[in-house]
Amino acid sequence: MHEFAAAGPARPPQDDHPRTPVFVDRRGRRRRWMTYWGLVVACLGLLYVALVTASLAAQPVRPEGNAPADAPPAARVDRPAEVDVPE
């Protein structure tokens, strides 16, 4: 077989150094910054949802007659069809 099969399960390497965080923000500026901007983005999202909800509640979308090319029924003129009569 393979030479590595008899070696047993792999173990993580042993370090003599204690595990400490790479970056520590002792004053908490990064947390305050992220909290502030998170709240700003959340408020903008809520404002957007509120505006969409208010616009739909005030004037719901009606597919019939919303097209600007549609004329009101009173302005339409019905003409009889033209018929070609052979002579």
Protein backbone atom coordinates (compact mmCIF):
# COMPACT_ATOMS: atom_id res chain seq x y z
CA MET A 1 0.00 0.00 0.00
CA HIS A 2 0.97 3.59 0.49
CA GLU A 3 3.60 4.74 2.91
CA PHE A 4 1.26 7.39 4.35
CA ALA A 5 -1.53 5.01 5.36
CA ALA A 6 0.34 3.74 8.41
CA ALA A 7 1.09 7.22 9.72
CA GLY A 8 -2.37 7.56 11.37
CA PRO A 9 -4.69 10.55 11.44
CA ALA A 10 -3.25 13.94 10.64
CA ARG A 11 -2.83 16.30 13.60
CA PRO A 12 -2.69 20.08 13.37
CA PRO A 13 0.82 21.52 13.75
CA GLN A 14 1.78 22.51 17.27
CA ASP A 15 2.64 26.18 17.78
CA ASP A 16 4.59 27.58 20.65
CA HIS A 17 2.76 30.91 20.22
CA PRO A 18 -0.59 31.50 21.92
CA ARG A 19 -3.51 32.17 19.59
CA THR A 20 -4.40 35.87 19.71
CA PRO A 21 -6.59 37.94 17.39
CA VAL A 22 -4.81 39.54 14.47
CA PHE A 23 -6.63 42.86 14.88
CA VAL A 24 -8.20 44.22 18.05
CA ASP A 25 -10.16 47.47 18.00
CA ARG A 26 -9.95 48.42 21.66
CA ARG A 27 -11.75 51.76 21.22
CA GLY A 28 -14.66 50.22 19.31
CA ARG A 29 -14.54 52.65 16.40
CA ARG A 30 -15.09 49.94 13.78
CA ARG A 31 -18.14 48.60 15.60
CA ARG A 32 -19.64 52.10 15.96
CA TRP A 33 -18.96 52.82 12.27
CA MET A 34 -20.60 49.57 11.13
CA THR A 35 -23.58 50.10 13.45
CA TYR A 36 -24.09 53.66 12.19
CA TRP A 37 -23.98 52.74 8.51
CA GLY A 38 -26.08 49.63 9.09
CA LEU A 39 -28.79 51.80 10.64
CA VAL A 40 -28.57 54.30 7.76
CA VAL A 41 -29.01 51.55 5.17
CA ALA A 42 -31.86 49.96 7.16
CA CYS A 43 -33.67 53.32 7.46
CA LEU A 44 -33.32 53.96 3.72
CA GLY A 45 -34.72 50.49 3.01
CA LEU A 46 -37.69 51.09 5.31
CA LEU A 47 -38.32 54.47 3.68
CA TYR A 48 -38.33 52.83 0.25
CA VAL A 49 -40.78 50.13 1.36
CA ALA A 50 -43.02 52.78 2.95
CA LEU A 51 -43.03 54.88 -0.24
CA VAL A 52 -43.86 51.90 -2.45
CA THR A 53 -46.64 50.82 -0.08
CA ALA A 54 -48.09 54.34 0.06
CA SER A 55 -48.01 54.73 -3.72
CA LEU A 56 -49.77 51.41 -4.24
CA ALA A 57 -52.36 52.19 -1.58
CA ALA A 58 -53.08 55.67 -2.96
CA GLN A 59 -53.42 54.68 -6.62
CA PRO A 60 -53.40 50.95 -7.31
CA VAL A 61 -52.18 49.68 -10.65
CA ARG A 62 -55.06 49.17 -13.07
CA PRO A 63 -54.03 47.45 -16.31
CA GLU A 64 -57.19 48.47 -18.20
CA GLY A 65 -56.97 51.99 -19.54
CA ASN A 66 -53.60 53.00 -18.12
CA ALA A 67 -51.92 53.25 -21.51
CA PRO A 68 -51.55 56.85 -22.69
CA ALA A 69 -52.55 55.89 -26.26
CA ASP A 70 -56.05 54.89 -25.12
CA ALA A 71 -58.63 57.53 -25.83
CA PRO A 72 -61.75 57.88 -23.70
CA PRO A 73 -64.79 56.10 -25.18
CA ALA A 74 -66.58 59.40 -25.96
CA ALA A 75 -63.75 60.62 -28.19
CA ARG A 76 -63.71 57.50 -30.38
CA VAL A 77 -65.47 57.73 -33.70
CA ASP A 78 -66.88 54.51 -35.10
CA ARG A 79 -66.86 54.39 -38.90
CA PRO A 80 -68.54 51.79 -41.04
CA ALA A 81 -66.21 49.38 -42.73
CA GLU A 82 -65.31 50.14 -46.31
CA VAL A 83 -66.49 47.50 -48.73
CA ASP A 84 -65.13 47.05 -52.25
CA VAL A 85 -68.02 46.25 -54.57
CA PRO A 86 -67.00 44.76 -57.93
CA GLU A 87 -68.63 46.42 -60.94
